[in-house]
Amino acid sequence: MKRLPLLQLTIILAASIFAARAVLRLARFEFHVLHFAVLGWPAWAVWAISAAELAGALLLLRRATFPVGAALLGLVAGAFVFAYLRAGAPLEALGPGGLLLALAGLALLRRPHRR
């Protein structure tokens, strides 16, 4: 049995979290349209954010596309943090803020080492 290194396992977990968020958002579409409206976002943003999260999660899984995936997911998480803070709901910003910090940590650990 081959074991995955901890960093790879953590990247797979982070990608799974973002993918699950996107799928659940699309499964409860009407609720999230209203949720996004409260944040001041248009209804089509549910599709755009979900597509960005799914694409970012897939890009995160390959070494060559990891930086692009991390940047895309960081933009999504940062947009949620900003929207929640602007809406006066700082506790709601903790979830995406934690994901943003996790992505930053993974990006630092995943960066190529120079000798």
PDB file of N, CA and C in Angstrom:
ATOM      1  N   MET A   1       0.835  -1.177   0.000  1.00  0.00           N
ATOM      2  CA  MET A   1       0.000   0.000   0.000  1.00  0.00           C
ATOM      3  C   MET A   1       0.884   1.246   0.000  1.00  0.00           C
ATOM      4  N   LYS A   2       0.606   2.145  -0.910  1.00  0.00           N
ATOM      5  CA  LYS A   2       1.381   3.375  -1.020  1.00  0.00           C
ATOM      6  C   LYS A   2       0.675   4.481  -0.242  1.00  0.00           C
ATOM      7  N   ARG A   3       1.427   5.170   0.573  1.00  0.00           N
ATOM      8  CA  ARG A   3       0.857   6.255   1.373  1.00  0.00           C
ATOM      9  C   ARG A   3       1.118   7.603   0.705  1.00  0.00           C
ATOM     10  N   LEU A   4       0.126   8.486   0.804  1.00  0.00           N
ATOM     11  CA  LEU A   4       0.290   9.836   0.274  1.00  0.00           C
ATOM     12  C   LEU A   4       1.016  10.692   1.303  1.00  0.00           C
ATOM     13  N   PRO A   5       1.949  11.513   0.857  1.00  0.00           N
ATOM     14  CA  PRO A   5       2.565  12.461   1.790  1.00  0.00           C
ATOM     15  C   PRO A   5       1.514  13.424   2.353  1.00  0.00           C
ATOM     16  N   LEU A   6       1.784  13.937   3.526  1.00  0.00           N
ATOM     17  CA  LEU A   6       0.823  14.799   4.219  1.00  0.00           C
ATOM     18  C   LEU A   6       0.433  16.024   3.394  1.00  0.00           C
ATOM     19  N   LEU A   7       1.385  16.623   2.684  1.00  0.00           N
ATOM     20  CA  LEU A   7       1.073  17.804   1.874  1.00  0.00           C
ATOM     21  C   LEU A   7       0.081  17.460   0.768  1.00  0.00           C
ATOM     22  N   GLN A   8       0.291  16.346   0.075  1.00  0.00           N
ATOM     23  CA  GLN A   8      -0.632  15.946  -0.985  1.00  0.00           C
ATOM     24  C   GLN A   8      -2.017  15.652  -0.418  1.00  0.00           C
ATOM     25  N   LEU A   9      -2.066  14.999   0.717  1.00  0.00           N
ATOM     26  CA  LEU A   9      -3.337  14.689   1.353  1.00  0.00           C
ATOM     27  C   LEU A   9      -4.075  15.974   1.747  1.00  0.00           C
ATOM     28  N   THR A  10      -3.346  16.944   2.233  1.00  0.00           N
ATOM     29  CA  THR A  10      -3.939  18.225   2.617  1.00  0.00           C
ATOM     30  C   THR A  10      -4.459  18.976   1.390  1.00  0.00           C
ATOM     31  N   ILE A  11      -3.736  18.919   0.293  1.00  0.00           N
ATOM     32  CA  ILE A  11      -4.186  19.561  -0.945  1.00  0.00           C
ATOM     33  C   ILE A  11      -5.461  18.898  -1.452  1.00  0.00           C
ATOM     34  N   ILE A  12      -5.509  17.570  -1.401  1.00  0.00           N
ATOM     35  CA  ILE A  12      -6.719  16.853  -1.816  1.00  0.00           C
ATOM     36  C   ILE A  12      -7.894  17.233  -0.920  1.00  0.00           C
ATOM     37  N   LEU A  13      -7.658  17.366   0.376  1.00  0.00           N
ATOM     38  CA  LEU A  13      -8.715  17.769   1.307  1.00  0.00           C
ATOM     39  C   LEU A  13      -9.218  19.182   0.992  1.00  0.00           C
ATOM     40  N   ALA A  14      -8.306  20.106   0.749  1.00  0.00           N
ATOM     41  CA  ALA A  14      -8.704  21.483   0.424  1.00  0.00           C
ATOM     42  C   ALA A  14      -9.495  21.517  -0.881  1.00  0.00           C
ATOM     43  N   ALA A  15      -9.038  20.795  -1.885  1.00  0.00           N
ATOM     44  CA  ALA A  15      -9.764  20.744  -3.164  1.00  0.00           C
ATOM     45  C   ALA A  15     -11.149  20.142  -2.969  1.00  0.00           C
ATOM     46  N   SER A  16     -11.248  19.130  -2.130  1.00  0.00           N
ATOM     47  CA  SER A  16     -12.546  18.500  -1.853  1.00  0.00           C
ATOM     48  C   SER A  16     -13.500  19.460  -1.163  1.00  0.00           C
ATOM     49  N   ILE A  17     -12.987  20.258  -0.257  1.00  0.00           N
ATOM     50  CA  ILE A  17     -13.836  21.229   0.447  1.00  0.00           C
ATOM     51  C   ILE A  17     -14.397  22.244  -0.544  1.00  0.00           C
ATOM     52  N   PHE A  18     -13.550  22.788  -1.401  1.00  0.00           N
ATOM     53  CA  PHE A  18     -14.024  23.775  -2.373  1.00  0.00           C
ATOM     54  C   PHE A  18     -15.004  23.146  -3.370  1.00  0.00           C
ATOM     55  N   ALA A  19     -14.718  21.934  -3.825  1.00  0.00           N
ATOM     56  CA  ALA A  19     -15.623  21.260  -4.767  1.00  0.00           C
ATOM     57  C   ALA A  19     -16.970  20.975  -4.100  1.00  0.00           C
ATOM     58  N   ALA A  20     -16.942  20.531  -2.851  1.00  0.00           N
ATOM     59  CA  ALA A  20     -18.187  20.243  -2.141  1.00  0.00           C
ATOM     60  C   ALA A  20     -19.010  21.514  -1.934  1.00  0.00           C
ATOM     61  N   ARG A  21     -18.347  22.614  -1.621  1.00  0.00           N
ATOM     62  CA  ARG A  21     -19.060  23.890  -1.469  1.00  0.00           C
ATOM     63  C   ARG A  21     -19.763  24.269  -2.772  1.00  0.00           C
ATOM     64  N   ALA A  22     -19.094  24.071  -3.890  1.00  0.00           N
ATOM     65  CA  ALA A  22     -19.677  24.421  -5.182  1.00  0.00           C
ATOM     66  C   ALA A  22     -20.869  23.521  -5.511  1.00  0.00           C
ATOM     67  N   VAL A  23     -20.713  22.228  -5.295  1.00  0.00           N
ATOM     68  CA  VAL A  23     -21.795  21.293  -5.607  1.00  0.00           C
ATOM     69  C   VAL A  23     -23.000  21.548  -4.704  1.00  0.00           C
ATOM     70  N   LEU A  24     -22.764  21.769  -3.422  1.00  0.00           N
ATOM     71  CA  LEU A  24     -23.876  22.053  -2.513  1.00  0.00           C
ATOM     72  C   LEU A  24     -24.564  23.370  -2.855  1.00  0.00           C
ATOM     73  N   ARG A  25     -23.794  24.338  -3.300  1.00  0.00           N
ATOM     74  CA  ARG A  25     -24.379  25.619  -3.701  1.00  0.00           C
ATOM     75  C   ARG A  25     -25.300  25.424  -4.907  1.00  0.00           C
ATOM     76  N   LEU A  26     -24.888  24.608  -5.846  1.00  0.00           N
ATOM     77  CA  LEU A  26     -25.712  24.360  -7.029  1.00  0.00           C
ATOM     78  C   LEU A  26     -26.912  23.477  -6.701  1.00  0.00           C
ATOM     79  N   ALA A  27     -26.773  22.587  -5.706  1.00  0.00           N
ATOM     80  CA  ALA A  27     -27.884  21.726  -5.310  1.00  0.00           C
ATOM     81  C   ALA A  27     -28.985  22.521  -4.611  1.00  0.00           C
ATOM     82  N   ARG A  28     -28.606  23.571  -3.925  1.00  0.00           N
ATOM     83  CA  ARG A  28     -29.583  24.431  -3.234  1.00  0.00           C
ATOM     84  C   ARG A  28     -29.559  25.812  -3.892  1.00  0.00           C
ATOM     85  N   PHE A  29     -29.778  25.815  -5.178  1.00  0.00           N
ATOM     86  CA  PHE A  29     -29.597  27.002  -6.004  1.00  0.00           C
ATOM     87  C   PHE A  29     -30.452  28.180  -5.539  1.00  0.00           C
ATOM     88  N   GLU A  30     -31.755  27.964  -5.304  1.00  0.00           N
ATOM     89  CA  GLU A  30     -32.650  29.070  -4.949  1.00  0.00           C
ATOM     90  C   GLU A  30     -32.213  29.745  -3.651  1.00  0.00           C
ATOM     91  N   PHE A  31     -31.813  28.933  -2.678  1.00  0.00           N
ATOM     92  CA  PHE A  31     -31.357  29.490  -1.411  1.00  0.00           C
ATOM     93  C   PHE A  31     -30.137  30.374  -1.624  1.00  0.00           C
ATOM     94  N   HIS A  32     -29.205  29.914  -2.431  1.00  0.00           N
ATOM     95  CA  HIS A  32     -27.971  30.674  -2.626  1.00  0.00           C
ATOM     96  C   HIS A  32     -28.169  31.905  -3.504  1.00  0.00           C
ATOM     97  N   VAL A  33     -29.157  31.883  -4.376  1.00  0.00           N
ATOM     98  CA  VAL A  33     -29.489  33.107  -5.115  1.00  0.00           C
ATOM     99  C   VAL A  33     -29.918  34.181  -4.116  1.00  0.00           C
ATOM    100  N   LEU A  34     -30.742  33.798  -3.152  1.00  0.00           N
ATOM    101  CA  LEU A  34     -31.166  34.757  -2.120  1.00  0.00           C
ATOM    102  C   LEU A  34     -29.991  35.167  -1.234  1.00  0.00           C
ATOM    103  N   HIS A  35     -29.165  34.211  -0.893  1.00  0.00           N
ATOM    104  CA  HIS A  35     -27.987  34.496  -0.066  1.00  0.00           C
ATOM    105  C   HIS A  35     -27.062  35.495  -0.771  1.00  0.00           C
ATOM    106  N   PHE A  36     -26.832  35.272  -2.061  1.00  0.00           N
ATOM    107  CA  PHE A  36     -25.987  36.179  -2.818  1.00  0.00           C
ATOM    108  C   PHE A  36     -26.636  37.547  -2.962  1.00  0.00           C
ATOM    109  N   ALA A  37     -27.964  37.576  -3.069  1.00  0.00           N
ATOM    110  CA  ALA A  37     -28.667  38.864  -3.169  1.00  0.00           C
ATOM    111  C   ALA A  37     -28.465  39.681  -1.903  1.00  0.00           C
ATOM    112  N   VAL A  38     -28.453  39.026  -0.750  1.00  0.00           N
ATOM    113  CA  VAL A  38     -28.201  39.726   0.514  1.00  0.00           C
ATOM    114  C   VAL A  38     -26.793  40.322   0.506  1.00  0.00           C
ATOM    115  N   LEU A  39     -25.864  39.639  -0.131  1.00  0.00           N
ATOM    116  CA  LEU A  39     -24.492  40.141  -0.229  1.00  0.00           C
ATOM    117  C   LEU A  39     -24.343  41.212  -1.305  1.00  0.00           C
ATOM    118  N   GLY A  40     -25.416  41.429  -2.086  1.00  0.00           N
ATOM    119  CA  GLY A  40     -25.361  42.435  -3.142  1.00  0.00           C
ATOM    120  C   GLY A  40     -24.863  41.894  -4.468  1.00  0.00           C
ATOM    121  N   TRP A  41     -24.851  40.576  -4.632  1.00  0.00           N
ATOM    122  CA  TRP A  41     -24.374  39.951  -5.857  1.00  0.00           C
ATOM    123  C   TRP A  41     -25.553  39.537  -6.724  1.00  0.00           C
ATOM    124  N   PRO A  42     -25.402  39.531  -8.042  1.00  0.00           N
ATOM    125  CA  PRO A  42     -26.491  39.109  -8.934  1.00  0.00           C
ATOM    126  C   PRO A  42     -26.708  37.594  -8.889  1.00  0.00           C
ATOM    127  N   ALA A  43     -27.851  37.158  -9.390  1.00  0.00           N
ATOM    128  CA  ALA A  43     -28.202  35.730  -9.360  1.00  0.00           C
ATOM    129  C   ALA A  43     -27.217  34.874 -10.150  1.00  0.00           C
ATOM    130  N   TRP A  44     -26.711  35.385 -11.276  1.00  0.00           N
ATOM    131  CA  TRP A  44     -25.785  34.592 -12.091  1.00  0.00           C
ATOM    132  C   TRP A  44     -24.463  34.337 -11.374  1.00  0.00           C
ATOM    133  N   ALA A  45     -24.188  35.074 -10.314  1.00  0.00           N
ATOM    134  CA  ALA A  45     -22.934  34.891  -9.576  1.00  0.00           C
ATOM    135  C   ALA A  45     -22.871  33.517  -8.911  1.00  0.00           C
ATOM    136  N   VAL A  46     -24.026  32.928  -8.614  1.00  0.00           N
ATOM    137  CA  VAL A  46     -24.018  31.580  -8.037  1.00  0.00           C
ATOM    138  C   VAL A  46     -23.352  30.607  -8.999  1.00  0.00           C
ATOM    139  N   TRP A  47     -23.710  30.687 -10.277  1.00  0.00           N
ATOM    140  CA  TRP A  47     -23.101  29.820 -11.293  1.00  0.00           C
ATOM    141  C   TRP A  47     -21.620  30.150 -11.464  1.00  0.00           C
ATOM    142  N   ALA A  48     -21.289  31.428 -11.539  1.00  0.00           N
ATOM    143  CA  ALA A  48     -19.902  31.838 -11.779  1.00  0.00           C
ATOM    144  C   ALA A  48     -18.991  31.421 -10.623  1.00  0.00           C
ATOM    145  N   ILE A  49     -19.421  31.668  -9.401  1.00  0.00           N
ATOM    146  CA  ILE A  49     -18.607  31.311  -8.235  1.00  0.00           C
ATOM    147  C   ILE A  49     -18.460  29.798  -8.132  1.00  0.00           C
ATOM    148  N   SER A  50     -19.551  29.075  -8.363  1.00  0.00           N
ATOM    149  CA  SER A  50     -19.492  27.615  -8.290  1.00  0.00           C
ATOM    150  C   SER A  50     -18.573  27.045  -9.366  1.00  0.00           C
ATOM    151  N   ALA A  51     -18.657  27.571 -10.576  1.00  0.00           N
ATOM    152  CA  ALA A  51     -17.774  27.117 -11.658  1.00  0.00           C
ATOM    153  C   ALA A  51     -16.319  27.433 -11.333  1.00  0.00           C
ATOM    154  N   ALA A  52     -16.070  28.611 -10.773  1.00  0.00           N
ATOM    155  CA  ALA A  52     -14.701  28.986 -10.405  1.00  0.00           C
ATOM    156  C   ALA A  52     -14.164  28.066  -9.314  1.00  0.00           C
ATOM    157  N   GLU A  53     -15.016  27.719  -8.347  1.00  0.00           N
ATOM    158  CA  GLU A  53     -14.564  26.820  -7.284  1.00  0.00           C
ATOM    159  C   GLU A  53     -14.283  25.415  -7.816  1.00  0.00           C
ATOM    160  N   LEU A  54     -15.137  24.916  -8.691  1.00  0.00           N
ATOM    161  CA  LEU A  54     -14.890  23.589  -9.272  1.00  0.00           C
ATOM    162  C   LEU A  54     -13.615  23.580 -10.117  1.00  0.00           C
ATOM    163  N   ALA A  55     -13.442  24.600 -10.940  1.00  0.00           N
ATOM    164  CA  ALA A  55     -12.233  24.688 -11.764  1.00  0.00           C
ATOM    165  C   ALA A  55     -10.995  24.825 -10.888  1.00  0.00           C
ATOM    166  N   GLY A  56     -11.063  25.693  -9.886  1.00  0.00           N
ATOM    167  CA  GLY A  56      -9.931  25.879  -8.989  1.00  0.00           C
ATOM    168  C   GLY A  56      -9.569  24.609  -8.239  1.00  0.00           C
ATOM    169  N   ALA A  57     -10.588  23.858  -7.812  1.00  0.00           N
ATOM    170  CA  ALA A  57     -10.333  22.602  -7.096  1.00  0.00           C
ATOM    171  C   ALA A  57      -9.616  21.604  -8.005  1.00  0.00           C
ATOM    172  N   LEU A  58     -10.037  21.526  -9.258  1.00  0.00           N
ATOM    173  CA  LEU A  58      -9.364  20.624 -10.196  1.00  0.00           C
ATOM    174  C   LEU A  58      -7.932  21.077 -10.490  1.00  0.00           C
ATOM    175  N   LEU A  59      -7.744  22.379 -10.650  1.00  0.00           N
ATOM    176  CA  LEU A  59      -6.404  22.910 -10.929  1.00  0.00           C
ATOM    177  C   LEU A  59      -5.465  22.713  -9.744  1.00  0.00           C
ATOM    178  N   LEU A  60      -6.020  22.706  -8.555  1.00  0.00           N
ATOM    179  CA  LEU A  60      -5.223  22.550  -7.341  1.00  0.00           C
ATOM    180  C   LEU A  60      -4.554  21.172  -7.277  1.00  0.00           C
ATOM    181  N   LEU A  61      -5.131  20.196  -7.939  1.00  0.00           N
ATOM    182  CA  LEU A  61      -4.672  18.811  -7.802  1.00  0.00           C
ATOM    183  C   LEU A  61      -3.424  18.485  -8.613  1.00  0.00           C
ATOM    184  N   ARG A  62      -3.081  19.292  -9.590  1.00  0.00           N
ATOM    185  CA  ARG A  62      -1.882  19.037 -10.405  1.00  0.00           C
ATOM    186  C   ARG A  62      -0.771  20.005 -10.031  1.00  0.00           C
ATOM    187  N   ARG A  63       0.432  19.509  -9.970  1.00  0.00           N
ATOM    188  CA  ARG A  63       1.568  20.356  -9.579  1.00  0.00           C
ATOM    189  C   ARG A  63       1.738  21.539 -10.536  1.00  0.00           C
ATOM    190  N   ALA A  64       1.580  21.289 -11.832  1.00  0.00           N
ATOM    191  CA  ALA A  64       1.801  22.342 -12.832  1.00  0.00           C
ATOM    192  C   ALA A  64       0.746  23.441 -12.759  1.00  0.00           C
ATOM    193  N   THR A  65      -0.478  23.095 -12.392  1.00  0.00           N
ATOM    194  CA  THR A  65      -1.567  24.079 -12.377  1.00  0.00           C
ATOM    195  C   THR A  65      -1.933  24.529 -10.959  1.00  0.00           C
ATOM    196  N   PHE A  66      -1.201  24.041  -9.976  1.00  0.00           N
ATOM    197  CA  PHE A  66      -1.499  24.393  -8.588  1.00  0.00           C
ATOM    198  C   PHE A  66      -1.526  25.905  -8.339  1.00  0.00           C
ATOM    199  N   PRO A  67      -0.526  26.662  -8.811  1.00  0.00           N
ATOM    200  CA  PRO A  67      -0.549  28.111  -8.529  1.00  0.00           C
ATOM    201  C   PRO A  67      -1.788  28.815  -9.095  1.00  0.00           C
ATOM    202  N   VAL A  68      -2.211  28.409 -10.285  1.00  0.00           N
ATOM    203  CA  VAL A  68      -3.401  29.027 -10.889  1.00  0.00           C
ATOM    204  C   VAL A  68      -4.644  28.666 -10.082  1.00  0.00           C
ATOM    205  N   GLY A  69      -4.745  27.411  -9.682  1.00  0.00           N
ATOM    206  CA  GLY A  69      -5.879  26.974  -8.869  1.00  0.00           C
ATOM    207  C   GLY A  69      -5.921  27.677  -7.527  1.00  0.00           C
ATOM    208  N   ALA A  70      -4.763  27.806  -6.886  1.00  0.00           N
ATOM    209  CA  ALA A  70      -4.701  28.487  -5.592  1.00  0.00           C
ATOM    210  C   ALA A  70      -5.081  29.958  -5.734  1.00  0.00           C
ATOM    211  N   ALA A  71      -4.629  30.599  -6.804  1.00  0.00           N
ATOM    212  CA  ALA A  71      -4.975  32.008  -7.026  1.00  0.00           C
ATOM    213  C   ALA A  71      -6.477  32.172  -7.279  1.00  0.00           C
ATOM    214  N   LEU A  72      -7.044  31.301  -8.090  1.00  0.00           N
ATOM    215  CA  LEU A  72      -8.477  31.370  -8.392  1.00  0.00           C
ATOM    216  C   LEU A  72      -9.313  31.150  -7.137  1.00  0.00           C
ATOM    217  N   LEU A  73      -8.974  30.117  -6.359  1.00  0.00           N
ATOM    218  CA  LEU A  73      -9.714  29.855  -5.135  1.00  0.00           C
ATOM    219  C   LEU A  73      -9.480  30.945  -4.090  1.00  0.00           C
ATOM    220  N   GLY A  74      -8.291  31.519  -4.093  1.00  0.00           N
ATOM    221  CA  GLY A  74      -8.020  32.641  -3.193  1.00  0.00           C
ATOM    222  C   GLY A  74      -8.864  33.854  -3.530  1.00  0.00           C
ATOM    223  N   LEU A  75      -9.055  34.103  -4.818  1.00  0.00           N
ATOM    224  CA  LEU A  75      -9.927  35.212  -5.227  1.00  0.00           C
ATOM    225  C   LEU A  75     -11.369  34.979  -4.796  1.00  0.00           C
ATOM    226  N   VAL A  76     -11.836  33.748  -4.946  1.00  0.00           N
ATOM    227  CA  VAL A  76     -13.205  33.419  -4.544  1.00  0.00           C
ATOM    228  C   VAL A  76     -13.364  33.585  -3.032  1.00  0.00           C
ATOM    229  N   ALA A  77     -12.453  32.991  -2.269  1.00  0.00           N
ATOM    230  CA  ALA A  77     -12.535  33.087  -0.809  1.00  0.00           C
ATOM    231  C   ALA A  77     -12.398  34.545  -0.358  1.00  0.00           C
ATOM    232  N   GLY A  78     -11.494  35.285  -0.986  1.00  0.00           N
ATOM    233  CA  GLY A  78     -11.322  36.699  -0.643  1.00  0.00           C
ATOM    234  C   GLY A  78     -12.559  37.522  -0.959  1.00  0.00           C
ATOM    235  N   ALA A  79     -13.233  37.191  -2.063  1.00  0.00           N
ATOM    236  CA  ALA A  79     -14.471  37.905  -2.410  1.00  0.00           C
ATOM    237  C   ALA A  79     -15.540  37.664  -1.358  1.00  0.00           C
ATOM    238  N   PHE A  80     -15.632  36.431  -0.862  1.00  0.00           N
ATOM    239  CA  PHE A  80     -16.608  36.145   0.195  1.00  0.00           C
ATOM    240  C   PHE A  80     -16.256  36.879   1.486  1.00  0.00           C
ATOM    241  N   VAL A  81     -14.997  36.875   1.868  1.00  0.00           N
ATOM    242  CA  VAL A  81     -14.577  37.589   3.079  1.00  0.00           C
ATOM    243  C   VAL A  81     -14.946  39.066   2.960  1.00  0.00           C
ATOM    244  N   PHE A  82     -14.604  39.672   1.838  1.00  0.00           N
ATOM    245  CA  PHE A  82     -14.912  41.085   1.627  1.00  0.00           C
ATOM    246  C   PHE A  82     -16.416  41.337   1.667  1.00  0.00           C
ATOM    247  N   ALA A  83     -17.195  40.472   1.006  1.00  0.00           N
ATOM    248  CA  ALA A  83     -18.647  40.660   0.948  1.00  0.00           C
ATOM    249  C   ALA A  83     -19.271  40.532   2.335  1.00  0.00           C
ATOM    250  N   TYR A  84     -18.822  39.550   3.114  1.00  0.00           N
ATOM    251  CA  TYR A  84     -19.370  39.387   4.466  1.00  0.00           C
ATOM    252  C   TYR A  84     -18.999  40.559   5.368  1.00  0.00           C
ATOM    253  N   LEU A  85     -17.766  41.023   5.267  1.00  0.00           N
ATOM    254  CA  LEU A  85     -17.364  42.171   6.093  1.00  0.00           C
ATOM    255  C   LEU A  85     -18.128  43.422   5.692  1.00  0.00           C
ATOM    256  N   ARG A  86     -18.332  43.611   4.395  1.00  0.00           N
ATOM    257  CA  ARG A  86     -19.084  44.772   3.913  1.00  0.00           C
ATOM    258  C   ARG A  86     -20.552  44.702   4.338  1.00  0.00           C
ATOM    259  N   ALA A  87     -21.083  43.473   4.430  1.00  0.00           N
ATOM    260  CA  ALA A  87     -22.480  43.291   4.831  1.00  0.00           C
ATOM    261  C   ALA A  87     -22.651  43.363   6.345  1.00  0.00           C
ATOM    262  N   GLY A  88     -21.569  43.516   7.084  1.00  0.00           N
ATOM    263  CA  GLY A  88     -21.651  43.629   8.538  1.00  0.00           C
ATOM    264  C   GLY A  88     -21.803  42.286   9.229  1.00  0.00           C
ATOM    265  N   ALA A  89     -21.268  41.225   8.633  1.00  0.00           N
ATOM    266  CA  ALA A  89     -21.344  39.884   9.215  1.00  0.00           C
ATOM    267  C   ALA A  89     -19.938  39.297   9.359  1.00  0.00           C
ATOM    268  N   PRO A  90     -19.146  39.832  10.295  1.00  0.00           N
ATOM    269  CA  PRO A  90     -17.757  39.377  10.404  1.00  0.00           C
ATOM    270  C   PRO A  90     -17.618  37.909  10.805  1.00  0.00           C
ATOM    271  N   LEU A  91     -18.566  37.367  11.560  1.00  0.00           N
ATOM    272  CA  LEU A  91     -18.472  35.956  11.936  1.00  0.00           C
ATOM    273  C   LEU A  91     -18.646  35.042  10.729  1.00  0.00           C
ATOM    274  N   GLU A  92     -19.463  35.455   9.772  1.00  0.00           N
ATOM    275  CA  GLU A  92     -19.638  34.675   8.547  1.00  0.00           C
ATOM    276  C   GLU A  92     -18.362  34.669   7.708  1.00  0.00           C
ATOM    277  N   ALA A  93     -17.536  35.681   7.861  1.00  0.00           N
ATOM    278  CA  ALA A  93     -16.294  35.775   7.088  1.00  0.00           C
ATOM    279  C   ALA A  93     -15.224  34.819   7.599  1.00  0.00           C
ATOM    280  N   LEU A  94     -15.433  34.228   8.786  1.00  0.00           N
ATOM    281  CA  LEU A  94     -14.413  33.341   9.339  1.00  0.00           C
ATOM    282  C   LEU A  94     -14.222  32.070   8.508  1.00  0.00           C
ATOM    283  N   GLY A  95     -15.305  31.522   7.960  1.00  0.00           N
ATOM    284  CA  GLY A  95     -15.196  30.302   7.147  1.00  0.00           C
ATOM    285  C   GLY A  95     -14.335  30.507   5.918  1.00  0.00           C
ATOM    286  N   PRO A  96     -14.720  31.439   5.027  1.00  0.00           N
ATOM    287  CA  PRO A  96     -13.877  31.675   3.858  1.00  0.00           C
ATOM    288  C   PRO A  96     -12.509  32.249   4.226  1.00  0.00           C
ATOM    289  N   GLY A  97     -12.430  32.974   5.328  1.00  0.00           N
ATOM    290  CA  GLY A  97     -11.137  33.498   5.769  1.00  0.00           C
ATOM    291  C   GLY A  97     -10.194  32.370   6.171  1.00  0.00           C
ATOM    292  N   GLY A  98     -10.727  31.362   6.833  1.00  0.00           N
ATOM    293  CA  GLY A  98      -9.923  30.191   7.185  1.00  0.00           C
ATOM    294  C   GLY A  98      -9.452  29.436   5.960  1.00  0.00           C
ATOM    295  N   LEU A  99     -10.335  29.310   4.961  1.00  0.00           N
ATOM    296  CA  LEU A  99      -9.947  28.662   3.716  1.00  0.00           C
ATOM    297  C   LEU A  99      -8.868  29.463   2.993  1.00  0.00           C
ATOM    298  N   LEU A 100      -8.975  30.782   3.058  1.00  0.00           N
ATOM    299  CA  LEU A 100      -7.971  31.647   2.438  1.00  0.00           C
ATOM    300  C   LEU A 100      -6.607  31.462   3.107  1.00  0.00           C
ATOM    301  N   LEU A 101      -6.597  31.388   4.435  1.00  0.00           N
ATOM    302  CA  LEU A 101      -5.347  31.154   5.158  1.00  0.00           C
ATOM    303  C   LEU A 101      -4.776  29.769   4.845  1.00  0.00           C
ATOM    304  N   ALA A 102      -5.643  28.765   4.747  1.00  0.00           N
ATOM    305  CA  ALA A 102      -5.180  27.412   4.413  1.00  0.00           C
ATOM    306  C   ALA A 102      -4.556  27.384   3.018  1.00  0.00           C
ATOM    307  N   LEU A 103      -5.187  28.079   2.068  1.00  0.00           N
ATOM    308  CA  LEU A 103      -4.624  28.148   0.715  1.00  0.00           C
ATOM    309  C   LEU A 103      -3.268  28.833   0.713  1.00  0.00           C
ATOM    310  N   ALA A 104      -3.147  29.903   1.482  1.00  0.00           N
ATOM    311  CA  ALA A 104      -1.867  30.611   1.558  1.00  0.00           C
ATOM    312  C   ALA A 104      -0.784  29.696   2.138  1.00  0.00           C
ATOM    313  N   GLY A 105      -1.131  28.945   3.163  1.00  0.00           N
ATOM    314  CA  GLY A 105      -0.175  28.003   3.747  1.00  0.00           C
ATOM    315  C   GLY A 105       0.230  26.917   2.777  1.00  0.00           C
ATOM    316  N   LEU A 106      -0.745  26.367   2.057  1.00  0.00           N
ATOM    317  CA  LEU A 106      -0.440  25.341   1.058  1.00  0.00           C
ATOM    318  C   LEU A 106       0.433  25.899  -0.058  1.00  0.00           C
ATOM    319  N   ALA A 107       0.143  27.124  -0.480  1.00  0.00           N
ATOM    320  CA  ALA A 107       0.941  27.742  -1.540  1.00  0.00           C
ATOM    321  C   ALA A 107       2.385  27.942  -1.089  1.00  0.00           C
ATOM    322  N   LEU A 108       2.572  28.318   0.172  1.00  0.00           N
ATOM    323  CA  LEU A 108       3.943  28.486   0.681  1.00  0.00           C
ATOM    324  C   LEU A 108       4.677  27.150   0.756  1.00  0.00           C
ATOM    325  N   LEU A 109       3.969  26.121   1.160  1.00  0.00           N
ATOM    326  CA  LEU A 109       4.601  24.810   1.266  1.00  0.00           C
ATOM    327  C   LEU A 109       4.834  24.175  -0.099  1.00  0.00           C
ATOM    328  N   ARG A 110       3.988  24.494  -1.067  1.00  0.00           N
ATOM    329  CA  ARG A 110       4.053  23.872  -2.396  1.00  0.00           C
ATOM    330  C   ARG A 110       5.024  24.567  -3.331  1.00  0.00           C
ATOM    331  N   ARG A 111       5.460  25.777  -3.006  1.00  0.00           N
ATOM    332  CA  ARG A 111       6.323  26.522  -3.918  1.00  0.00           C
ATOM    333  C   ARG A 111       7.601  25.751  -4.197  1.00  0.00           C
ATOM    334  N   PRO A 112       8.144  25.930  -5.404  1.00  0.00           N
ATOM    335  CA  PRO A 112       9.373  25.203  -5.755  1.00  0.00           C
ATOM    336  C   PRO A 112      10.550  25.673  -4.907  1.00  0.00           C
ATOM    337  N   HIS A 113      11.346  24.719  -4.503  1.00  0.00           N
ATOM    338  CA  HIS A 113      12.534  25.044  -3.700  1.00  0.00           C
ATOM    339  C   HIS A 113      13.702  25.316  -4.619  1.00  0.00           C
ATOM    340  N   ARG A 114      14.404  26.408  -4.367  1.00  0.00           N
ATOM    341  CA  ARG A 114      15.578  26.758  -5.168  1.00  0.00           C
ATOM    342  C   ARG A 114      16.824  26.381  -4.411  1.00  0.00           C
ATOM    343  N   ARG A 115      17.798  25.912  -5.157  1.00  0.00           N
ATOM    344  CA  ARG A 115      19.062  25.526  -4.511  1.00  0.00           C
ATOM    345  C   ARG A 115      20.184  26.392  -4.993  1.00  0.00           C
TER     346      ARG A 115
END
